[in-house]
Structure formats: structure tokens, C-alpha cells
Amino acid sequence: MKTITIHQPWATLIALGEKRFETRGWATKYRGPLAIHAAKKVDKEACYREPIRSVLAKHGYTADNLPTGAVVATAKLEDCLQIIIAPGTGEVAAWRDADDAAIPIKGNELSFGWFERGRFAWQMVDVKPIAPVPVNGRQGLWNWDCDKYHNEKTDNE
């Protein structure tokens, strides 16, 4: 399964369904199943900023108990959209091309990503949290042998 490594707390925010877009400086043509891997790095400063702190707390998390070095969710990468900033208003949106309506980025989502002109918003749907599965992460999109995980899980049940 294609997998993306994301620093904490953002990986957990995705797993919790609180963050719909992962922002990146690069686009991908890949669409389909995607595992969310929580990196070993936790940005503790970010964990203490609002609204991240409150959203994590609502789900029982703090900077000190986030899972790291593990796959924490699966999702479907629905689209990779370009970030635009409306002239005059400064409103942020994500869009595919001139024929499509832009998706407004509002509320907590604005605080959960790096929404800047020229960056990309990876739109995730059907997010399903899983019990953390320890695995080493990598840069870029990489392949996780989730069949091995499912086989081990079945053997241990």
C-alpha cells in the first residue's frame, strides 16, 4: 500500500478525522489507498498551539502520548489540489483546474496545514484509524507491506 510519513501531531489529526488535507510542496498523480505513517518526530511546539492542543485533548492526546514510528490510519487519496489565495480577500482554497469549483479551506483546517500559494493540498477521504503498527518511515510516497501486517495480525488472533 502506498504510504506517506507525516510528523506528529499532523498524522494523528488525520487519523482522528480532524485534518482533511495534507499540505506538501510537491504534487502527486497517485490516487487511491494511502496509509498514514506517524514519523518519529513530534513537533511539541505545534502540539501546544491552539487549536491543535484543544483538538488533541478532545481525543485524549498530548504532545507526550502521540504514537510515533507507526502506521496510524488508512485513507483514500482522493485528489491533489493546488492551493490558491484569493486576491483582495486572502481567502484560501484548493482547486484542480479552471473547470472545477475551488474547495474553501476554513476553520481549524487552516491551522492544520501550510496553505501557501504554490503548495498542494492532498485531499483524503474514508480515513480509518488503526491501532499503531510499528514500521520505519521514509521520505516521499513509499510502499508498506500491509499484507504482512494483516497476516501477522490474523496469526496472532
C-alpha atoms as a PDB file:
ATOM      1  CA  MET A   1       0.000   0.000   0.000  1.00  0.00           C
ATOM      2  CA  LYS A   2       1.269   3.483  -0.807  1.00  0.00           C
ATOM      3  CA  THR A   3       2.241   5.272   2.394  1.00  0.00           C
ATOM      4  CA  ILE A   4       3.167   8.808   3.424  1.00  0.00           C
ATOM      5  CA  THR A   5       5.171   9.657   6.538  1.00  0.00           C
ATOM      6  CA  ILE A   6       3.867  12.709   8.382  1.00  0.00           C
ATOM      7  CA  HIS A   7       5.272  14.343  11.510  1.00  0.00           C
ATOM      8  CA  GLN A   8       3.212  14.430  14.651  1.00  0.00           C
ATOM      9  CA  PRO A   9       0.771  15.909  15.585  1.00  0.00           C
ATOM     10  CA  TRP A  10      -0.455  16.109  11.979  1.00  0.00           C
ATOM     11  CA  ALA A  11      -0.546  12.337  11.374  1.00  0.00           C
ATOM     12  CA  THR A  12      -2.811  11.878  14.389  1.00  0.00           C
ATOM     13  CA  LEU A  13      -5.023  14.800  13.354  1.00  0.00           C
ATOM     14  CA  ILE A  14      -5.569  12.982  10.040  1.00  0.00           C
ATOM     15  CA  ALA A  15      -6.217   9.649  11.791  1.00  0.00           C
ATOM     16  CA  LEU A  16      -8.803  11.332  14.020  1.00  0.00           C
ATOM     17  CA  GLY A  17     -10.626  12.767  11.000  1.00  0.00           C
ATOM     18  CA  GLU A  18      -9.875  16.317  12.117  1.00  0.00           C
ATOM     19  CA  LYS A  19      -7.497  17.138   9.227  1.00  0.00           C
ATOM     20  CA  ARG A  20      -8.755  16.530   5.664  1.00  0.00           C
ATOM     21  CA  PHE A  21      -5.798  17.868   3.706  1.00  0.00           C
ATOM     22  CA  GLU A  22      -2.091  17.085   3.969  1.00  0.00           C
ATOM     23  CA  THR A  23      -0.153  20.024   2.531  1.00  0.00           C
ATOM     24  CA  ARG A  24       3.004  19.391   0.564  1.00  0.00           C
ATOM     25  CA  GLY A  25       5.404  21.357  -1.622  1.00  0.00           C
ATOM     26  CA  TRP A  26       5.017  18.728  -4.348  1.00  0.00           C
ATOM     27  CA  ALA A  27       2.141  17.225  -6.273  1.00  0.00           C
ATOM     28  CA  THR A  28       1.423  13.560  -6.879  1.00  0.00           C
ATOM     29  CA  LYS A  29      -0.504  11.861  -9.665  1.00  0.00           C
ATOM     30  CA  TYR A  30      -1.239   8.919  -7.370  1.00  0.00           C
ATOM     31  CA  ARG A  31      -4.862   8.417  -6.316  1.00  0.00           C
ATOM     32  CA  GLY A  32      -6.123   5.535  -4.220  1.00  0.00           C
ATOM     33  CA  PRO A  33      -5.449   3.758  -0.914  1.00  0.00           C
ATOM     34  CA  LEU A  34      -2.927   5.509   1.321  1.00  0.00           C
ATOM     35  CA  ALA A  35      -1.513   4.548   4.707  1.00  0.00           C
ATOM     36  CA  ILE A  36      -0.739   7.372   7.139  1.00  0.00           C
ATOM     37  CA  HIS A  37       2.575   6.810   8.917  1.00  0.00           C
ATOM     38  CA  ALA A  38       3.407   8.871  12.007  1.00  0.00           C
ATOM     39  CA  ALA A  39       7.067   9.854  11.913  1.00  0.00           C
ATOM     40  CA  LYS A  40       9.278   9.503  14.971  1.00  0.00           C
ATOM     41  CA  LYS A  41       9.426  13.304  15.188  1.00  0.00           C
ATOM     42  CA  VAL A  42       6.874  15.157  17.301  1.00  0.00           C
ATOM     43  CA  ASP A  43       6.658  18.929  16.894  1.00  0.00           C
ATOM     44  CA  LYS A  44       5.911  19.619  20.556  1.00  0.00           C
ATOM     45  CA  GLU A  45       5.654  23.376  19.979  1.00  0.00           C
ATOM     46  CA  ALA A  46       2.836  22.780  17.496  1.00  0.00           C
ATOM     47  CA  CYS A  47       1.103  20.477  19.980  1.00  0.00           C
ATOM     48  CA  TYR A  48       0.837  23.354  22.463  1.00  0.00           C
ATOM     49  CA  ARG A  49      -0.620  25.843  19.936  1.00  0.00           C
ATOM     50  CA  GLU A  50      -4.352  26.325  19.540  1.00  0.00           C
ATOM     51  CA  PRO A  51      -6.423  24.851  18.046  1.00  0.00           C
ATOM     52  CA  ILE A  52      -4.119  21.805  17.828  1.00  0.00           C
ATOM     53  CA  ARG A  53      -3.821  21.465  21.615  1.00  0.00           C
ATOM     54  CA  SER A  54      -7.588  21.523  22.165  1.00  0.00           C
ATOM     55  CA  VAL A  55      -8.357  19.134  19.318  1.00  0.00           C
ATOM     56  CA  LEU A  56      -5.770  16.621  20.527  1.00  0.00           C
ATOM     57  CA  ALA A  57      -7.042  16.953  24.119  1.00  0.00           C
ATOM     58  CA  LYS A  58     -10.616  16.295  22.975  1.00  0.00           C
ATOM     59  CA  HIS A  59      -9.383  12.870  21.823  1.00  0.00           C
ATOM     60  CA  GLY A  60      -7.158  12.208  24.849  1.00  0.00           C
ATOM     61  CA  TYR A  61      -3.797  13.125  23.267  1.00  0.00           C
ATOM     62  CA  THR A  62      -0.974  15.409  24.342  1.00  0.00           C
ATOM     63  CA  ALA A  63       2.497  16.037  22.935  1.00  0.00           C
ATOM     64  CA  ASP A  64       3.721  13.214  25.179  1.00  0.00           C
ATOM     65  CA  ASN A  65       1.434  10.341  24.155  1.00  0.00           C
ATOM     66  CA  LEU A  66       1.185  10.582  20.362  1.00  0.00           C
ATOM     67  CA  PRO A  67       2.114   7.367  18.538  1.00  0.00           C
ATOM     68  CA  THR A  68       5.385   7.609  16.608  1.00  0.00           C
ATOM     69  CA  GLY A  69       7.204   5.402  14.133  1.00  0.00           C
ATOM     70  CA  ALA A  70       3.980   3.635  13.191  1.00  0.00           C
ATOM     71  CA  VAL A  71       1.180   3.474  10.647  1.00  0.00           C
ATOM     72  CA  VAL A  72      -1.838   5.016  12.401  1.00  0.00           C
ATOM     73  CA  ALA A  73      -4.542   5.151   9.709  1.00  0.00           C
ATOM     74  CA  THR A  74      -5.563   4.291   6.201  1.00  0.00           C
ATOM     75  CA  ALA A  75      -7.351   6.608   3.806  1.00  0.00           C
ATOM     76  CA  LYS A  76      -8.119   7.144   0.165  1.00  0.00           C
ATOM     77  CA  LEU A  77      -6.101   9.883  -1.524  1.00  0.00           C
ATOM     78  CA  GLU A  78      -8.964  11.447  -3.454  1.00  0.00           C
ATOM     79  CA  ASP A  79      -7.129  14.293  -5.152  1.00  0.00           C
ATOM     80  CA  CYS A  80      -4.092  16.539  -5.183  1.00  0.00           C
ATOM     81  CA  LEU A  81      -5.187  20.145  -5.432  1.00  0.00           C
ATOM     82  CA  GLN A  82      -3.284  23.366  -5.907  1.00  0.00           C
ATOM     83  CA  ILE A  83      -3.585  25.955  -3.155  1.00  0.00           C
ATOM     84  CA  ILE A  84      -4.800  29.378  -4.210  1.00  0.00           C
ATOM     85  CA  ILE A  85      -5.200  32.607  -2.261  1.00  0.00           C
ATOM     86  CA  ALA A  86      -7.979  34.924  -3.418  1.00  0.00           C
ATOM     87  CA  PRO A  87      -6.678  38.413  -4.272  1.00  0.00           C
ATOM     88  CA  GLY A  88      -8.130  41.088  -2.048  1.00  0.00           C
ATOM     89  CA  THR A  89      -9.837  38.788   0.470  1.00  0.00           C
ATOM     90  CA  GLY A  90      -6.932  36.464   1.240  1.00  0.00           C
ATOM     91  CA  GLU A  91      -9.333  33.509   1.376  1.00  0.00           C
ATOM     92  CA  VAL A  92      -7.610  30.163   0.920  1.00  0.00           C
ATOM     93  CA  ALA A  93      -8.923  27.437  -1.365  1.00  0.00           C
ATOM     94  CA  ALA A  94      -7.795  24.273  -3.085  1.00  0.00           C
ATOM     95  CA  TRP A  95      -8.551  23.661  -6.758  1.00  0.00           C
ATOM     96  CA  ARG A  96      -7.815  21.177  -9.537  1.00  0.00           C
ATOM     97  CA  ASP A  97      -8.152  23.307 -12.679  1.00  0.00           C
ATOM     98  CA  ALA A  98     -10.115  26.178 -14.162  1.00  0.00           C
ATOM     99  CA  ASP A  99     -13.143  23.931 -14.853  1.00  0.00           C
ATOM    100  CA  ASP A 100     -13.656  22.970 -11.216  1.00  0.00           C
ATOM    101  CA  ALA A 101     -15.000  24.892  -8.271  1.00  0.00           C
ATOM    102  CA  ALA A 102     -12.441  25.629  -5.581  1.00  0.00           C
ATOM    103  CA  ILE A 103     -12.799  23.976  -2.169  1.00  0.00           C
ATOM    104  CA  PRO A 104     -12.653  26.668   0.551  1.00  0.00           C
ATOM    105  CA  ILE A 105     -10.193  25.972   3.372  1.00  0.00           C
ATOM    106  CA  LYS A 106     -11.609  27.307   6.629  1.00  0.00           C
ATOM    107  CA  GLY A 107     -11.689  26.826  10.384  1.00  0.00           C
ATOM    108  CA  ASN A 108      -9.246  24.511  12.107  1.00  0.00           C
ATOM    109  CA  GLU A 109      -8.099  23.122   8.754  1.00  0.00           C
ATOM    110  CA  LEU A 110      -6.258  26.401   8.109  1.00  0.00           C
ATOM    111  CA  SER A 111      -4.246  25.830  11.296  1.00  0.00           C
ATOM    112  CA  PHE A 112      -3.550  22.180  10.474  1.00  0.00           C
ATOM    113  CA  GLY A 113      -1.581  22.762   7.261  1.00  0.00           C
ATOM    114  CA  TRP A 114       0.824  25.015   5.401  1.00  0.00           C
ATOM    115  CA  PHE A 115      -1.553  26.671   2.963  1.00  0.00           C
ATOM    116  CA  GLU A 116       0.569  28.911   0.796  1.00  0.00           C
ATOM    117  CA  ARG A 117       0.356  29.736  -2.909  1.00  0.00           C
ATOM    118  CA  GLY A 118       2.265  27.176  -4.957  1.00  0.00           C
ATOM    119  CA  ARG A 119       1.815  24.327  -2.460  1.00  0.00           C
ATOM    120  CA  PHE A 120      -0.531  21.363  -2.789  1.00  0.00           C
ATOM    121  CA  ALA A 121      -3.389  20.006  -0.686  1.00  0.00           C
ATOM    122  CA  TRP A 122      -3.675  16.226  -0.722  1.00  0.00           C
ATOM    123  CA  GLN A 123      -7.364  15.540  -0.140  1.00  0.00           C
ATOM    124  CA  MET A 124      -8.032  12.438   1.940  1.00  0.00           C
ATOM    125  CA  VAL A 125     -11.391  10.703   2.362  1.00  0.00           C
ATOM    126  CA  ASP A 126     -12.573   7.491   4.031  1.00  0.00           C
ATOM    127  CA  VAL A 127      -9.992   7.841   6.805  1.00  0.00           C
ATOM    128  CA  LYS A 128      -9.894   4.859   9.157  1.00  0.00           C
ATOM    129  CA  PRO A 129      -7.716   4.935  12.272  1.00  0.00           C
ATOM    130  CA  ILE A 130      -5.929   1.684  13.131  1.00  0.00           C
ATOM    131  CA  ALA A 131      -4.019   0.507  16.173  1.00  0.00           C
ATOM    132  CA  PRO A 132      -0.456   1.780  15.603  1.00  0.00           C
ATOM    133  CA  VAL A 133       1.662  -0.641  13.579  1.00  0.00           C
ATOM    134  CA  PRO A 134       5.398  -0.046  14.198  1.00  0.00           C
ATOM    135  CA  VAL A 135       7.296   0.426  10.933  1.00  0.00           C
ATOM    136  CA  ASN A 136      10.177   2.611   9.765  1.00  0.00           C
ATOM    137  CA  GLY A 137       9.125   5.570   7.657  1.00  0.00           C
ATOM    138  CA  ARG A 138      10.627   7.043   4.518  1.00  0.00           C
ATOM    139  CA  GLN A 139      10.510  10.254   2.520  1.00  0.00           C
ATOM    140  CA  GLY A 140       8.066  10.696  -0.341  1.00  0.00           C
ATOM    141  CA  LEU A 141       5.441   8.100  -1.172  1.00  0.00           C
ATOM    142  CA  TRP A 142       6.628   4.620  -0.280  1.00  0.00           C
ATOM    143  CA  ASN A 143       5.231   1.104  -0.229  1.00  0.00           C
ATOM    144  CA  TRP A 144       4.196  -0.520   3.041  1.00  0.00           C
ATOM    145  CA  ASP A 145       3.721  -4.293   3.003  1.00  0.00           C
ATOM    146  CA  CYS A 146       0.331  -4.188   4.697  1.00  0.00           C
ATOM    147  CA  ASP A 147      -0.359  -7.808   3.670  1.00  0.00           C
ATOM    148  CA  LYS A 148       2.406  -8.852   6.064  1.00  0.00           C
ATOM    149  CA  TYR A 149       0.700  -6.792   8.815  1.00  0.00           C
ATOM    150  CA  HIS A 150      -2.702  -8.385   8.098  1.00  0.00           C
ATOM    151  CA  ASN A 151      -1.183 -11.898   8.035  1.00  0.00           C
ATOM    152  CA  GLU A 152       0.642 -11.339  11.347  1.00  0.00           C
ATOM    153  CA  LYS A 153      -2.493  -9.893  12.907  1.00  0.00           C
ATOM    154  CA  THR A 154      -4.556 -12.917  11.774  1.00  0.00           C
ATOM    155  CA  ASP A 155      -1.910 -15.360  13.037  1.00  0.00           C
ATOM    156  CA  ASN A 156      -1.894 -13.701  16.484  1.00  0.00           C
ATOM    157  CA  GLU A 157      -5.680 -13.570  16.937  1.00  0.00           C
END
